[in-house]
Amino acid sequence: MRATSIGHAGILIETDAGSIVCDPWFHPAFFASWFPFPRNDQLSDDLRTRIEQADFLYISHLHGDHHDEPFLRDHFRRDIPILLPGYPTREQQRTLKALGFTEFIRTEHTAPLQIAPGLTVAIHIETSITDGPGGDSALVVDDGTSILVNQNDCRTHDLAELRKHGPVDLHWLQFSGAIWYPMVYEMPDDEMHRRCADKIEAQFARALRYVENVDARFVVPSAGPPAFLDPELFGLNMIDGTEASIFPDQTEFLARLDAIARHGVMNIPGTTIDVEPDRIAVTHPIPEADVARIFTEKRAYLQQYQSDWMPWLEREKASWNPENSDLLATLKAWWEPLLDLCPQLRTQVDANVLIRCIDADEPLNVIIDFPKGEVREYEDDPFEFRFDIGRPLVEAVAAQRAVDWSNSLLLSARFTAWRSGEFNEYVYNFLKSLSRERIRRAEDEVVRKFASAEELAAEAEDDIRVGDYIVQRRCPHRNADLTAFGEIDGDEFVCTLHGWRFDLETGECLTAVDRPLRIRRAD
């Protein structure tokens, strides 16, 4: 097996039985705030050809630093087989279909699948609303002689399932920050630096727990950090360690691995790792001294990178000037029906959120009143959370009807925020769930989290109608609300939250033993 880094979370996996390209990301993401680091705009022609001619394509989730829509649209044949994580919704498949892709191999959570003679994969999913169309995913590749785990930034909770596939040779995983916190928040400098340091330690601790549990022969730092080339954001790069930033590079993670006697592999875009039974061979695309200079002379490296991309960046930023719409009416018509669908989520917020659309000829202040389920113009209302965002950016994502403002806007770090108390995940869960499909999932997650066992048991006795069938409301697996997640697929009834399947006529569980579903034909 050969694994070649193609930048960030991108990997080209080549085996005798076929090749898989994972998360190819080349175009700057999140309103041009994130650029791949180290840069991957100088890959060899040969490597680019191998990427574009891969046998299979795997996109772990829909975030812009993994799902590079322009590259996917322009560089792959439409009939390349795409390995689909078994997410609870079909959002990822719909998104890829809209780009013209036609061939999909839908996988089941953790289940090995032979995709070619001698080549087996398994995709593990996480289904938290906090990421993507149902979560994130990790890929396991087994060519009969070597096993690679591409965890990227998937925070999988069941590491024993990863180990069941056999001893792992290469473990690719995220170690650096991938969020806007705490840098966008208004706070004193000393507190900002303390919170950044705490966040970094938490990131490393989590990554090292994964390392210990997967217990791979070699660990490959992956999926971060990005580079910030816009002068307005350049200070988010961690260069000498004094910055208020959560984005350390792989040199620090490799040092942490070395301290616990784990074998880490330095890699840059174009680095190939050939796996052999008793060793690996690492080949960089440039001399090792030049690889080292990327990190030891990082400021100069980033400044040259920035200079090369500034003309593009200036053109891109100049395009963010959509004409002002009736933004308040748009948000009100869009969001109030969603607020109606999430009463329990609103209860967990239980406060007003102020969005100040600034930096425009017509600034606008919008209140999301979670207790009342209303969106209205701000008029000295009390609030506990505030976001200051340039109106052109808000206009842009509103025009797109972007269903996940985390992906489309917030990860850009092109905003500032304030809150009166501690972090409230449900504010962000709402902003990540701006469609009926997503908000139902977000609401169900709240219900399941806070409902008592007695309430869940009582609710499970309520029958609902799905198509031509009457079925118990709650899935016997994890109590998912089948009003939101139940669907009929041929002769089977499917709970799409975790992909559990049942015989449509008998209710027999086809996914596990002795977990039947109460179901019958409607009269």
Protein backbone atom coordinates (compact mmCIF):
# COMPACT_ATOMS: atom_id res chain seq x y z
CA MET A 1 0.00 0.00 0.00
CA ARG A 2 1.12 3.51 -0.79
CA ALA A 3 -0.44 6.58 0.82
CA THR A 4 0.40 10.02 -0.57
CA SER A 5 -0.50 13.23 1.21
CA ILE A 6 -2.28 15.68 -1.09
CA GLY A 7 -2.72 18.37 1.55
CA HIS A 8 -4.77 18.88 4.71
CA ALA A 9 -6.99 15.76 5.07
CA GLY A 10 -6.36 14.70 1.47
CA ILE A 11 -4.82 11.29 0.80
CA LEU A 12 -4.31 9.26 -2.35
CA ILE A 13 -4.33 5.58 -1.31
CA GLU A 14 -2.90 3.27 -3.98
CA THR A 15 -2.96 -0.52 -3.85
CA ASP A 16 -2.57 -3.33 -6.36
CA ALA A 17 -6.36 -3.71 -6.29
CA GLY A 18 -7.26 -0.05 -6.89
CA SER A 19 -6.85 3.51 -5.66
CA ILE A 20 -8.96 5.78 -3.46
CA VAL A 21 -8.67 9.56 -3.31
CA CYS A 22 -9.84 11.06 -0.02
CA ASP A 23 -10.96 14.64 0.67
CA PRO A 24 -9.07 16.45 -2.12
CA TRP A 25 -9.05 20.13 -1.06
CA PHE A 26 -7.31 22.78 -3.17
CA HIS A 27 -9.53 25.89 -3.33
CA PRO A 28 -9.52 28.22 -0.29
CA ALA A 29 -12.54 27.60 1.95
CA PHE A 30 -14.86 29.50 4.25
CA PHE A 31 -14.96 32.87 2.51
CA ALA A 32 -11.31 32.49 1.49
CA SER A 33 -10.09 32.39 5.07
CA TRP A 34 -8.63 28.86 5.09
CA PHE A 35 -5.82 27.81 2.74
CA PRO A 36 -4.15 24.37 2.80
CA PHE A 37 -0.95 24.28 4.87
CA PRO A 38 1.63 23.43 3.74
CA ARG A 39 0.55 24.69 0.34
CA ASN A 40 -0.57 22.09 -2.18
CA ASP A 41 -0.82 24.25 -5.30
CA GLN A 42 2.55 22.96 -6.52
CA LEU A 43 1.93 19.21 -6.74
CA SER A 44 3.62 17.37 -9.60
CA ASP A 45 1.70 16.79 -12.82
CA ASP A 46 2.07 13.04 -12.30
CA LEU A 47 0.45 13.17 -8.85
CA ARG A 48 -2.38 15.36 -10.10
CA THR A 49 -3.06 12.89 -12.87
CA ARG A 50 -3.13 9.98 -10.41
CA ILE A 51 -5.55 11.90 -8.21
CA GLU A 52 -7.90 12.66 -11.08
CA GLN A 53 -7.76 9.10 -12.40
CA ALA A 54 -8.36 7.37 -9.05
CA ASP A 55 -10.68 4.36 -9.02
CA PHE A 56 -12.79 5.54 -6.07
CA LEU A 57 -13.59 8.84 -4.35
CA TYR A 58 -14.26 9.31 -0.62
CA ILE A 59 -15.50 12.58 0.90
CA SER A 60 -15.63 12.28 4.67
CA HIS A 61 -18.21 15.07 5.16
CA LEU A 62 -19.48 18.27 3.60
CA HIS A 63 -17.27 20.89 5.23
CA GLY A 64 -15.49 23.08 2.72
CA ASP A 65 -11.98 21.89 3.62
CA HIS A 66 -13.03 18.33 2.69
CA HIS A 67 -15.76 18.83 0.10
CA ASP A 68 -14.03 21.12 -2.43
CA GLU A 69 -16.90 21.71 -4.82
CA PRO A 70 -14.96 23.46 -7.62
CA PHE A 71 -12.28 20.75 -7.66
CA LEU A 72 -14.82 17.93 -7.54
CA ARG A 73 -16.78 19.52 -10.36
CA ASP A 74 -13.83 20.18 -12.65
CA HIS A 75 -11.39 17.32 -12.06
CA PHE A 76 -13.25 14.02 -11.76
CA ARG A 77 -15.21 11.94 -14.22
CA ARG A 78 -18.90 11.90 -13.45
CA ASP A 79 -19.04 8.10 -13.08
CA ILE A 80 -16.26 7.70 -10.52
CA PRO A 81 -17.67 5.42 -7.78
CA ILE A 82 -18.11 7.46 -4.60
CA LEU A 83 -17.86 5.73 -1.22
CA LEU A 84 -20.76 7.15 0.79
CA PRO A 85 -20.78 7.13 4.58
CA GLY A 86 -24.03 5.67 5.91
CA TYR A 87 -25.30 9.00 7.21
CA PRO A 88 -28.86 9.28 8.56
CA THR A 89 -29.85 11.67 5.77
CA ARG A 90 -29.17 11.63 2.04
CA GLU A 91 -27.87 15.22 2.02
CA GLN A 92 -24.34 14.31 1.00
CA GLN A 93 -25.55 12.12 -1.86
CA ARG A 94 -27.94 14.85 -3.06
CA THR A 95 -25.12 17.39 -2.97
CA LEU A 96 -22.82 15.17 -5.03
CA LYS A 97 -25.60 14.29 -7.45
CA ALA A 98 -26.14 18.02 -8.02
CA LEU A 99 -22.52 18.16 -9.23
CA GLY A 100 -23.33 15.47 -11.79
CA PHE A 101 -21.91 12.39 -10.07
CA THR A 102 -23.84 9.23 -10.83
CA GLU A 103 -22.18 6.26 -9.13
CA PHE A 104 -22.51 5.76 -5.37
CA ILE A 105 -21.50 2.92 -3.07
CA ARG A 106 -23.50 3.40 0.12
CA THR A 107 -21.83 1.78 3.09
CA GLU A 108 -23.18 0.68 6.46
CA HIS A 109 -21.65 1.97 9.67
CA THR A 110 -18.51 -0.08 10.57
CA ALA A 111 -19.39 -2.90 8.13
CA PRO A 112 -16.50 -4.10 5.90
CA LEU A 113 -17.28 -3.94 2.19
CA GLN A 114 -15.19 -5.35 -0.62
CA ILE A 115 -15.13 -2.70 -3.35
CA ALA A 116 -12.71 -4.59 -5.60
CA PRO A 117 -11.08 -8.03 -5.42
CA GLY A 118 -8.48 -7.68 -2.65
CA LEU A 119 -9.63 -4.23 -1.51
CA THR A 120 -11.98 -3.80 1.47
CA VAL A 121 -13.19 -0.63 3.14
CA ALA A 122 -15.26 0.21 6.20
CA ILE A 123 -16.65 3.65 7.00
CA HIS A 124 -17.37 4.60 10.60
CA ILE A 125 -19.76 7.49 11.16
CA GLU A 126 -20.50 9.87 13.98
CA THR A 127 -24.05 11.20 13.97
CA SER A 128 -23.88 14.30 16.14
CA ILE A 129 -25.64 17.34 14.69
CA THR A 130 -22.44 19.29 15.37
CA ASP A 131 -20.99 18.32 11.99
CA GLY A 132 -22.28 17.93 8.50
CA PRO A 133 -25.24 15.89 7.26
CA GLY A 134 -25.37 13.70 10.33
CA GLY A 135 -21.82 14.00 11.58
CA ASP A 136 -18.41 13.01 10.30
CA SER A 137 -16.79 9.80 9.14
CA ALA A 138 -13.58 7.80 9.25
CA LEU A 139 -12.36 5.40 6.55
CA VAL A 140 -10.61 2.06 7.08
CA VAL A 141 -8.80 0.59 4.05
CA ASP A 142 -7.49 -2.99 3.97
CA ASP A 143 -5.66 -4.35 0.92
CA GLY A 144 -4.91 -7.72 2.49
CA THR A 145 -1.39 -6.78 3.59
CA SER A 146 -1.81 -3.36 5.24
CA ILE A 147 -4.54 -1.44 7.05
CA LEU A 148 -4.88 2.34 6.95
CA VAL A 149 -7.23 4.32 9.18
CA ASN A 150 -8.10 7.76 7.83
CA GLN A 151 -9.72 9.34 10.88
CA ASN A 152 -9.26 12.92 9.58
CA ASP A 153 -11.28 15.07 12.03
CA CYS A 154 -13.90 12.47 12.94
CA ARG A 155 -14.33 12.29 16.71
CA THR A 156 -15.32 8.67 16.72
CA HIS A 157 -16.45 7.45 20.14
CA ASP A 158 -16.10 3.69 19.68
CA LEU A 159 -12.43 3.04 19.07
CA ALA A 160 -12.83 -0.68 19.74
CA GLU A 161 -14.77 -0.88 16.48
CA LEU A 162 -11.81 0.58 14.59
CA ARG A 163 -9.48 -2.00 16.11
CA LYS A 164 -11.76 -4.88 15.10
CA HIS A 165 -10.56 -4.57 11.51
CA GLY A 166 -7.09 -5.74 12.52
CA PRO A 167 -3.74 -4.19 13.48
CA VAL A 168 -3.42 -0.73 11.95
CA ASP A 169 -0.31 0.27 10.00
CA LEU A 170 -1.03 3.95 9.28
CA HIS A 171 -3.30 6.16 11.40
CA TRP A 172 -4.04 9.57 9.86
CA LEU A 173 -5.76 11.97 12.24
CA GLN A 174 -6.37 15.59 13.13
CA PHE A 175 -4.44 17.16 15.99
CA SER A 176 -4.89 20.92 15.48
CA GLY A 177 -7.75 23.37 15.83
CA ALA A 178 -10.68 23.53 13.43
CA ILE A 179 -13.01 26.04 15.07
CA TRP A 180 -13.39 29.78 15.63
CA TYR A 181 -13.24 29.56 19.43
CA PRO A 182 -11.94 31.41 21.33
CA MET A 183 -10.32 33.85 18.89
CA VAL A 184 -13.50 35.59 17.74
CA TYR A 185 -14.76 36.29 21.27
CA GLU A 186 -14.39 39.62 23.00
CA MET A 187 -12.26 39.10 26.09
CA PRO A 188 -9.08 40.50 27.70
CA ASP A 189 -5.80 39.47 26.05
CA ASP A 190 -4.58 37.44 29.01
CA GLU A 191 -7.81 35.47 29.16
CA MET A 192 -7.70 34.94 25.39
CA HIS A 193 -4.20 33.48 25.57
CA ARG A 194 -5.14 31.28 28.51
CA ARG A 195 -8.20 29.91 26.72
CA CYS A 196 -6.20 29.28 23.55
CA ALA A 197 -3.58 27.38 25.54
CA ASP A 198 -6.28 25.32 27.24
CA LYS A 199 -7.89 24.55 23.90
CA ILE A 200 -4.58 23.41 22.41
CA GLU A 201 -3.95 21.08 25.34
CA ALA A 202 -7.43 19.62 24.99
CA GLN A 203 -6.86 19.06 21.26
CA PHE A 204 -3.59 17.27 21.83
CA ALA A 205 -5.01 15.20 24.70
CA ARG A 206 -7.89 14.02 22.53
CA ALA A 207 -5.60 13.16 19.61
CA LEU A 208 -3.20 11.26 21.87
CA ARG A 209 -6.07 9.23 23.33
CA TYR A 210 -6.97 8.20 19.79
CA VAL A 211 -3.34 7.31 19.13
CA GLU A 212 -3.10 5.10 22.21
CA ASN A 213 -6.37 3.33 21.51
CA VAL A 214 -5.89 2.67 17.80
CA ASP A 215 -2.29 1.65 18.50
CA ALA A 216 -1.07 1.95 14.92
CA ARG A 217 2.51 1.26 13.87
CA PHE A 218 2.81 4.80 12.51
CA VAL A 219 0.82 8.00 13.09
CA VAL A 220 0.43 10.61 10.35
CA PRO A 221 -0.63 14.15 11.37
CA SER A 222 -3.50 15.21 9.12
CA ALA A 223 -6.44 17.60 8.61
CA GLY A 224 -4.81 20.78 9.80
CA PRO A 225 -3.93 23.39 10.59
CA PRO A 226 -5.02 25.71 7.79
CA ALA A 227 -3.04 28.76 6.73
CA PHE A 228 -4.61 32.21 7.03
CA LEU A 229 -3.31 34.42 4.23
CA ASP A 230 -5.74 37.34 4.38
CA PRO A 231 -3.90 40.16 6.19
CA GLU A 232 -6.99 40.62 8.38
CA LEU A 233 -6.62 37.04 9.64
CA PHE A 234 -2.85 36.47 9.38
CA GLY A 235 -2.50 36.71 13.17
CA LEU A 236 -4.39 33.43 13.54
CA ASN A 237 -1.36 31.54 12.20
CA MET A 238 0.76 30.07 14.98
CA ILE A 239 4.34 30.97 14.09
CA ASP A 240 6.40 31.59 17.23
CA GLY A 241 3.87 30.33 19.77
CA THR A 242 2.99 33.71 21.26
CA GLU A 243 -0.08 34.20 19.09
CA ALA A 244 -3.65 33.91 20.41
CA SER A 245 -4.30 30.90 18.21
CA ILE A 246 -5.38 27.26 18.47
CA PHE A 247 -3.53 26.18 15.32
CA PRO A 248 -0.17 24.54 16.18
CA ASP A 249 1.47 22.72 13.28
CA GLN A 250 2.56 19.12 13.09
CA THR A 251 6.06 19.71 14.46
CA GLU A 252 4.60 20.13 17.95
CA PHE A 253 2.37 17.08 17.58
CA LEU A 254 5.30 15.00 16.35
CA ALA A 255 7.22 16.07 19.45
CA ARG A 256 4.30 14.92 21.62
CA LEU A 257 4.27 11.57 19.84
CA ASP A 258 8.00 11.19 20.30
CA ALA A 259 7.60 11.88 24.03
CA ILE A 260 5.34 8.82 24.39
CA ALA A 261 7.50 6.63 22.12
CA ARG A 262 5.07 6.69 19.20
CA HIS A 263 6.27 6.81 15.62
CA GLY A 264 5.01 9.95 13.89
CA VAL A 265 5.50 10.66 10.21
CA MET A 266 6.28 14.16 9.00
CA ASN A 267 4.39 14.80 5.79
CA ILE A 268 3.74 17.62 3.35
CA PRO A 269 1.66 17.58 0.16
CA GLY A 270 3.38 15.13 -2.17
CA THR A 271 4.93 12.99 0.59
CA THR A 272 4.54 9.27 -0.15
CA ILE A 273 4.45 6.58 2.51
CA ASP A 274 5.07 3.05 1.27
CA VAL A 275 3.97 0.44 3.79
CA GLU A 276 5.95 -2.77 4.05
CA PRO A 277 5.58 -5.62 6.57
CA ASP A 278 8.48 -4.53 8.75
CA ARG A 279 8.93 -0.86 7.93
CA ILE A 280 7.67 2.14 6.01
CA ALA A 281 9.52 4.20 3.43
CA VAL A 282 8.84 7.94 3.41
CA THR A 283 9.69 10.04 0.35
CA HIS A 284 9.20 13.79 0.29
CA PRO A 285 8.74 15.77 -2.96
CA ILE A 286 11.52 18.18 -1.95
CA PRO A 287 14.79 17.77 0.01
CA GLU A 288 14.37 17.20 3.75
CA ALA A 289 16.16 20.47 4.54
CA ASP A 290 13.52 22.34 2.53
CA VAL A 291 10.76 20.44 4.32
CA ALA A 292 12.23 21.54 7.65
CA ARG A 293 12.40 25.18 6.52
CA ILE A 294 8.62 25.26 6.02
CA PHE A 295 8.36 25.07 9.79
CA THR A 296 11.60 26.66 11.03
CA GLU A 297 11.16 29.64 8.69
CA LYS A 298 7.40 29.60 8.79
CA ARG A 299 6.79 33.35 8.66
CA ALA A 300 8.77 33.74 5.46
CA TYR A 301 7.05 30.68 3.99
CA LEU A 302 3.59 32.06 4.77
CA GLN A 303 4.49 35.52 3.50
CA GLN A 304 5.60 34.10 0.15
CA TYR A 305 2.46 31.96 0.00
CA GLN A 306 0.41 35.06 0.78
CA SER A 307 2.14 37.12 -1.89
CA ASP A 308 1.45 34.48 -4.52
CA TRP A 309 -2.26 34.38 -3.67
CA MET A 310 -2.98 38.07 -2.92
CA PRO A 311 -4.24 38.96 -6.43
CA TRP A 312 -6.73 36.08 -6.25
CA LEU A 313 -7.71 36.98 -2.68
CA GLU A 314 -8.34 40.62 -3.57
CA ARG A 315 -10.56 39.61 -6.51
CA GLU A 316 -12.43 37.13 -4.34
CA LYS A 317 -13.13 39.65 -1.57
CA ALA A 318 -14.27 42.24 -4.11
CA SER A 319 -16.96 39.78 -5.22
CA TRP A 320 -18.59 39.70 -1.77
CA ASN A 321 -20.86 42.63 -2.43
CA PRO A 322 -24.37 41.39 -3.17
CA GLU A 323 -26.99 44.10 -3.21
CA ASN A 324 -28.85 44.52 0.04
CA SER A 325 -32.07 42.52 0.10
CA ASP A 326 -34.97 42.68 2.52
CA LEU A 327 -32.75 40.63 4.79
CA LEU A 328 -34.99 40.77 7.85
CA ALA A 329 -37.98 39.48 5.89
CA THR A 330 -35.82 36.74 4.39
CA LEU A 331 -34.54 35.53 7.75
CA LYS A 332 -37.95 35.77 9.35
CA ALA A 333 -39.66 33.73 6.62
CA TRP A 334 -36.84 31.18 6.65
CA TRP A 335 -36.15 30.77 10.35
CA GLU A 336 -39.48 31.15 12.14
CA PRO A 337 -40.91 27.91 10.63
CA LEU A 338 -37.72 26.16 11.78
CA LEU A 339 -38.09 27.59 15.28
CA ASP A 340 -41.60 26.16 15.34
CA LEU A 341 -40.10 22.71 14.76
CA CYS A 342 -37.64 22.82 17.66
CA PRO A 343 -39.40 23.76 20.91
CA GLN A 344 -37.02 21.71 23.06
CA LEU A 345 -33.93 23.19 21.44
CA ARG A 346 -35.38 26.67 22.00
CA THR A 347 -35.88 25.81 25.67
CA GLN A 348 -32.19 24.92 25.97
CA VAL A 349 -31.20 28.32 24.56
CA ASP A 350 -33.92 30.21 26.49
CA ALA A 351 -32.53 33.63 25.52
CA ASN A 352 -32.33 36.18 22.76
CA VAL A 353 -29.49 36.06 20.24
CA LEU A 354 -28.51 39.31 18.53
CA ILE A 355 -26.99 39.24 15.05
CA ARG A 356 -25.56 42.63 14.10
CA CYS A 357 -25.09 42.85 10.33
CA ILE A 358 -22.39 45.51 10.16
CA ASP A 359 -19.95 47.13 7.70
CA ALA A 360 -22.62 48.20 5.23
CA ASP A 361 -24.51 51.29 4.11
CA GLU A 362 -27.58 49.70 5.67
CA PRO A 363 -26.58 47.87 8.85
CA LEU A 364 -29.25 45.65 10.36
CA ASN A 365 -29.66 44.28 13.86
CA VAL A 366 -31.69 41.07 14.10
CA ILE A 367 -32.98 39.36 17.23
CA ILE A 368 -33.62 35.62 17.32
CA ASP A 369 -36.06 35.31 20.20
CA PHE A 370 -35.72 31.63 21.13
CA PRO A 371 -38.31 31.68 23.96
CA LYS A 372 -41.00 33.11 21.65
CA GLY A 373 -39.79 31.53 18.41
CA GLU A 374 -39.60 34.90 16.64
CA VAL A 375 -37.18 36.73 14.36
CA ARG A 376 -37.48 40.52 14.44
CA GLU A 377 -35.51 43.75 14.27
CA TYR A 378 -33.61 44.64 17.42
CA GLU A 379 -35.14 47.38 19.56
CA ASP A 380 -33.16 47.43 22.79
CA ASP A 381 -34.19 43.85 23.57
CA PRO A 382 -32.12 42.08 26.23
CA PHE A 383 -29.82 39.42 24.81
CA GLU A 384 -27.26 36.92 26.07
CA PHE A 385 -25.44 36.13 22.83
CA ARG A 386 -24.22 38.50 20.10
CA PHE A 387 -22.62 38.02 16.70
CA ASP A 388 -21.16 40.91 14.67
CA ILE A 389 -20.92 39.86 11.02
CA GLY A 390 -20.42 41.91 7.87
CA ARG A 391 -23.77 42.35 6.16
CA PRO A 392 -22.38 41.32 2.73
CA LEU A 393 -21.45 37.92 4.18
CA VAL A 394 -24.86 37.47 5.77
CA GLU A 395 -26.51 38.50 2.49
CA ALA A 396 -24.38 35.93 0.65
CA VAL A 397 -25.27 32.96 2.84
CA ALA A 398 -28.91 34.04 2.97
CA ALA A 399 -29.04 34.17 -0.82
CA GLN A 400 -27.60 30.64 -0.92
CA ARG A 401 -30.06 29.45 1.75
CA ALA A 402 -26.99 27.91 3.37
CA VAL A 403 -28.29 25.25 5.75
CA ASP A 404 -25.11 25.10 7.85
CA TRP A 405 -23.75 28.50 8.89
CA SER A 406 -20.89 26.80 10.67
CA ASN A 407 -19.59 25.54 7.34
CA SER A 408 -20.64 28.45 5.15
CA LEU A 409 -19.79 31.35 7.45
CA LEU A 410 -18.62 30.84 11.03
CA LEU A 411 -15.51 28.77 10.28
CA SER A 412 -14.23 31.76 8.32
CA ALA A 413 -13.61 33.50 11.68
CA ARG A 414 -14.75 36.67 9.88
CA PHE A 415 -16.92 37.78 12.78
CA THR A 416 -16.73 38.69 16.44
CA ALA A 417 -18.88 37.30 19.22
CA TRP A 418 -19.88 37.97 22.80
CA ARG A 419 -21.84 35.99 25.35
CA SER A 420 -22.94 36.79 28.87
CA GLY A 421 -22.20 33.35 30.29
CA GLU A 422 -20.83 30.01 29.23
CA PHE A 423 -20.92 28.28 25.86
CA ASN A 424 -24.36 27.11 24.74
CA GLU A 425 -24.10 24.41 22.08
CA TYR A 426 -27.76 24.79 21.11
CA VAL A 427 -27.26 28.28 19.71
CA TYR A 428 -24.77 26.83 17.25
CA ASN A 429 -26.84 23.69 16.68
CA PHE A 430 -29.63 25.93 15.42
CA LEU A 431 -27.28 27.82 13.10
CA LYS A 432 -26.00 24.48 11.76
CA SER A 433 -29.52 23.16 11.15
CA LEU A 434 -31.23 25.67 8.87
CA SER A 435 -33.41 23.23 6.96
CA ARG A 436 -36.45 21.19 7.97
CA GLU A 437 -34.44 17.98 7.63
CA ARG A 438 -31.62 19.20 9.84
CA ILE A 439 -33.73 20.95 12.46
CA ARG A 440 -35.77 17.80 13.01
CA ARG A 441 -32.53 15.95 13.73
CA ALA A 442 -31.33 18.72 16.04
CA GLU A 443 -34.62 18.70 17.93
CA ASP A 444 -34.65 14.93 18.25
CA GLU A 445 -31.13 15.00 19.65
CA VAL A 446 -32.27 17.39 22.38
CA VAL A 447 -35.36 15.31 23.16
CA ARG A 448 -33.36 12.11 23.47
CA LYS A 449 -30.70 13.78 25.59
CA PHE A 450 -33.04 15.24 28.19
CA ALA A 451 -36.03 12.92 28.21
CA SER A 452 -36.36 10.59 31.16
CA ALA A 453 -36.43 6.85 30.65
CA GLU A 454 -40.11 6.87 31.59
CA GLU A 455 -40.90 9.56 29.02
CA LEU A 456 -39.06 7.71 26.29
CA ALA A 457 -40.77 4.45 27.15
CA ALA A 458 -44.20 6.11 27.13
CA GLU A 459 -43.51 7.89 23.86
CA ALA A 460 -42.31 4.64 22.33
CA GLU A 461 -45.82 3.25 22.76
CA ASP A 462 -47.30 5.92 20.48
CA ASP A 463 -47.96 4.60 17.01
CA ILE A 464 -47.38 6.75 13.94
CA ARG A 465 -48.09 6.32 10.25
CA VAL A 466 -45.27 6.07 7.71
CA GLY A 467 -46.49 5.51 4.19
CA ASP A 468 -48.97 2.61 4.24
CA TYR A 469 -47.79 1.30 7.62
CA ILE A 470 -48.50 1.94 11.29
CA VAL A 471 -45.28 1.75 13.31
CA GLN A 472 -44.16 2.45 16.86
CA ARG A 473 -42.86 5.97 17.17
CA ARG A 474 -39.47 5.24 18.72
CA CYS A 475 -36.75 3.08 17.19
CA PRO A 476 -35.83 0.10 19.42
CA HIS A 477 -32.15 0.94 18.90
CA ARG A 478 -31.58 4.42 20.32
CA ASN A 479 -35.12 5.82 20.65
CA ALA A 480 -34.87 7.92 17.50
CA ASP A 481 -38.15 9.53 16.58
CA LEU A 482 -39.37 7.64 13.52
CA THR A 483 -41.64 10.54 12.67
CA ALA A 484 -38.45 12.26 11.55
CA PHE A 485 -36.19 9.32 10.70
CA GLY A 486 -38.42 6.49 9.55
CA GLU A 487 -38.65 5.64 5.88
CA ILE A 488 -39.62 2.69 3.69
CA ASP A 489 -36.95 1.26 1.41
CA GLY A 490 -38.34 -1.56 -0.74
CA ASP A 491 -39.27 -4.44 1.57
CA GLU A 492 -37.54 -2.88 4.57
CA PHE A 493 -38.28 -0.17 7.10
CA VAL A 494 -35.23 1.99 7.84
CA CYS A 495 -34.40 4.25 10.77
CA THR A 496 -32.13 6.70 8.98
CA LEU A 497 -30.57 8.13 12.15
CA HIS A 498 -28.25 5.13 12.52
CA GLY A 499 -29.26 3.04 9.51
CA TRP A 500 -31.01 0.21 11.38
CA ARG A 501 -33.26 -1.93 9.14
CA PHE A 502 -36.37 -4.00 9.82
CA ASP A 503 -38.46 -6.40 7.77
CA LEU A 504 -41.45 -4.39 6.60
CA GLU A 505 -43.98 -7.16 7.14
CA THR A 506 -42.75 -8.84 10.31
CA GLY A 507 -40.79 -6.09 12.07
CA GLU A 508 -37.82 -8.43 12.51
CA CYS A 509 -34.63 -6.45 13.02
CA LEU A 510 -32.18 -7.09 10.21
CA THR A 511 -29.35 -5.19 11.90
CA ALA A 512 -29.21 -6.83 15.33
CA VAL A 513 -30.66 -9.80 17.18
CA ASP A 514 -33.86 -9.50 19.24
CA ARG A 515 -34.65 -5.84 18.57
CA PRO A 516 -37.99 -6.11 16.73
CA LEU A 517 -40.06 -3.18 15.55
CA ARG A 518 -43.83 -3.06 16.05
CA ILE A 519 -45.24 -2.49 12.58
CA ARG A 520 -48.37 -3.39 10.60
CA ARG A 521 -50.17 -2.38 7.46
CA ALA A 522 -52.62 0.45 7.87
CA ASP A 523 -56.28 -0.54 7.61
